[in-house]
Amino acid sequence: MIDENAYCVDILTQIAAVRSALDSIGVELLTDHLETCVIGKDGETAHECAKPLSQEELVEEVRTVVRRFLK
């Protein structure tokens, strides 16, 4: 759009749409992580990286990723 000399407001609107889409994907990934790796860490669906972690380590991991996500 920039190469095409599009109107600035149109470019900013597209940037906002992309941000919103990425935020939605992030929420879905975080929800899936909580369901499979934190709540269901001892189940079959848990990722191999989550299985050896304690509940406290998983909570700290979620805290860290939520902080990053909200920046």
C-alpha atoms as a PDB file:
ATOM      1  CA  MET A   1       0.000   0.000   0.000  1.00  0.00           C
ATOM      2  CA  ILE A   2       2.848   2.371   0.768  1.00  0.00           C
ATOM      3  CA  ASP A   3       4.491   1.590  -2.572  1.00  0.00           C
ATOM      4  CA  GLU A   4       1.163   2.358  -4.229  1.00  0.00           C
ATOM      5  CA  ASN A   5       1.017   5.735  -2.457  1.00  0.00           C
ATOM      6  CA  ALA A   6      -2.203   4.787  -0.658  1.00  0.00           C
ATOM      7  CA  TYR A   7      -3.923   7.284   1.623  1.00  0.00           C
ATOM      8  CA  CYS A   8      -2.363   7.256   5.123  1.00  0.00           C
ATOM      9  CA  VAL A   9      -5.694   6.648   6.854  1.00  0.00           C
ATOM     10  CA  ASP A  10      -6.261   3.564   4.689  1.00  0.00           C
ATOM     11  CA  ILE A  11      -2.819   2.211   5.607  1.00  0.00           C
ATOM     12  CA  LEU A  12      -3.422   2.849   9.304  1.00  0.00           C
ATOM     13  CA  THR A  13      -6.802   1.119   9.049  1.00  0.00           C
ATOM     14  CA  GLN A  14      -5.107  -1.946   7.568  1.00  0.00           C
ATOM     15  CA  ILE A  15      -2.463  -1.910  10.302  1.00  0.00           C
ATOM     16  CA  ALA A  16      -5.232  -1.822  12.927  1.00  0.00           C
ATOM     17  CA  ALA A  17      -6.960  -4.764  11.238  1.00  0.00           C
ATOM     18  CA  VAL A  18      -3.742  -6.797  11.223  1.00  0.00           C
ATOM     19  CA  ARG A  19      -3.111  -6.008  14.894  1.00  0.00           C
ATOM     20  CA  SER A  20      -6.633  -7.095  15.758  1.00  0.00           C
ATOM     21  CA  ALA A  21      -6.220 -10.345  13.835  1.00  0.00           C
ATOM     22  CA  LEU A  22      -2.904 -11.068  15.574  1.00  0.00           C
ATOM     23  CA  ASP A  23      -4.468 -10.334  18.975  1.00  0.00           C
ATOM     24  CA  SER A  24      -7.282 -12.784  18.195  1.00  0.00           C
ATOM     25  CA  ILE A  25      -4.792 -15.476  17.224  1.00  0.00           C
ATOM     26  CA  GLY A  26      -2.830 -14.788  20.403  1.00  0.00           C
ATOM     27  CA  VAL A  27      -5.942 -15.199  22.559  1.00  0.00           C
ATOM     28  CA  GLU A  28      -6.721 -18.512  20.845  1.00  0.00           C
ATOM     29  CA  LEU A  29      -3.156 -19.764  21.355  1.00  0.00           C
ATOM     30  CA  LEU A  30      -3.129 -18.693  24.991  1.00  0.00           C
ATOM     31  CA  THR A  31      -6.494 -20.368  25.601  1.00  0.00           C
ATOM     32  CA  ASP A  32      -5.282 -23.568  23.959  1.00  0.00           C
ATOM     33  CA  HIS A  33      -2.078 -23.455  26.004  1.00  0.00           C
ATOM     34  CA  LEU A  34      -4.039 -23.059  29.234  1.00  0.00           C
ATOM     35  CA  GLU A  35      -6.383 -25.924  28.350  1.00  0.00           C
ATOM     36  CA  THR A  36      -3.786 -28.411  27.129  1.00  0.00           C
ATOM     37  CA  CYS A  37      -0.525 -27.531  28.858  1.00  0.00           C
ATOM     38  CA  VAL A  38      -1.543 -25.969  32.163  1.00  0.00           C
ATOM     39  CA  ILE A  39      -4.895 -27.474  33.158  1.00  0.00           C
ATOM     40  CA  GLY A  40      -4.346 -30.700  31.213  1.00  0.00           C
ATOM     41  CA  LYS A  41      -0.577 -30.983  31.648  1.00  0.00           C
ATOM     42  CA  ASP A  42      -0.801 -34.603  32.746  1.00  0.00           C
ATOM     43  CA  GLY A  43      -3.062 -35.596  29.851  1.00  0.00           C
ATOM     44  CA  GLU A  44      -2.310 -36.962  26.405  1.00  0.00           C
ATOM     45  CA  THR A  45      -2.719 -33.609  24.662  1.00  0.00           C
ATOM     46  CA  ALA A  46      -0.109 -31.747  26.713  1.00  0.00           C
ATOM     47  CA  HIS A  47       2.959 -30.628  24.808  1.00  0.00           C
ATOM     48  CA  GLU A  48       6.204 -32.396  25.674  1.00  0.00           C
ATOM     49  CA  CYS A  49       7.726 -29.092  26.837  1.00  0.00           C
ATOM     50  CA  ALA A  50       5.001 -28.627  29.462  1.00  0.00           C
ATOM     51  CA  LYS A  51       4.999 -32.133  30.938  1.00  0.00           C
ATOM     52  CA  PRO A  52       8.181 -31.828  33.049  1.00  0.00           C
ATOM     53  CA  LEU A  53       7.225 -28.397  34.443  1.00  0.00           C
ATOM     54  CA  SER A  54       5.646 -27.979  37.864  1.00  0.00           C
ATOM     55  CA  GLN A  55       2.334 -26.169  38.266  1.00  0.00           C
ATOM     56  CA  GLU A  56       4.222 -23.177  39.681  1.00  0.00           C
ATOM     57  CA  GLU A  57       6.565 -23.093  36.672  1.00  0.00           C
ATOM     58  CA  LEU A  58       3.616 -23.246  34.295  1.00  0.00           C
ATOM     59  CA  VAL A  59       1.855 -20.403  36.113  1.00  0.00           C
ATOM     60  CA  GLU A  60       5.026 -18.291  35.927  1.00  0.00           C
ATOM     61  CA  GLU A  61       5.329 -19.115  32.223  1.00  0.00           C
ATOM     62  CA  VAL A  62       1.737 -17.959  31.650  1.00  0.00           C
ATOM     63  CA  ARG A  63       2.365 -14.800  33.681  1.00  0.00           C
ATOM     64  CA  THR A  64       5.408 -14.007  31.522  1.00  0.00           C
ATOM     65  CA  VAL A  65       3.664 -14.646  28.221  1.00  0.00           C
ATOM     66  CA  VAL A  66       0.597 -12.603  29.227  1.00  0.00           C
ATOM     67  CA  ARG A  67       2.857  -9.671  30.129  1.00  0.00           C
ATOM     68  CA  ARG A  68       4.546  -9.908  26.727  1.00  0.00           C
ATOM     69  CA  PHE A  69       1.211 -10.245  24.974  1.00  0.00           C
ATOM     70  CA  LEU A  70      -0.254  -7.169  26.657  1.00  0.00           C
ATOM     71  CA  LYS A  71       2.672  -4.871  25.791  1.00  0.00           C
END
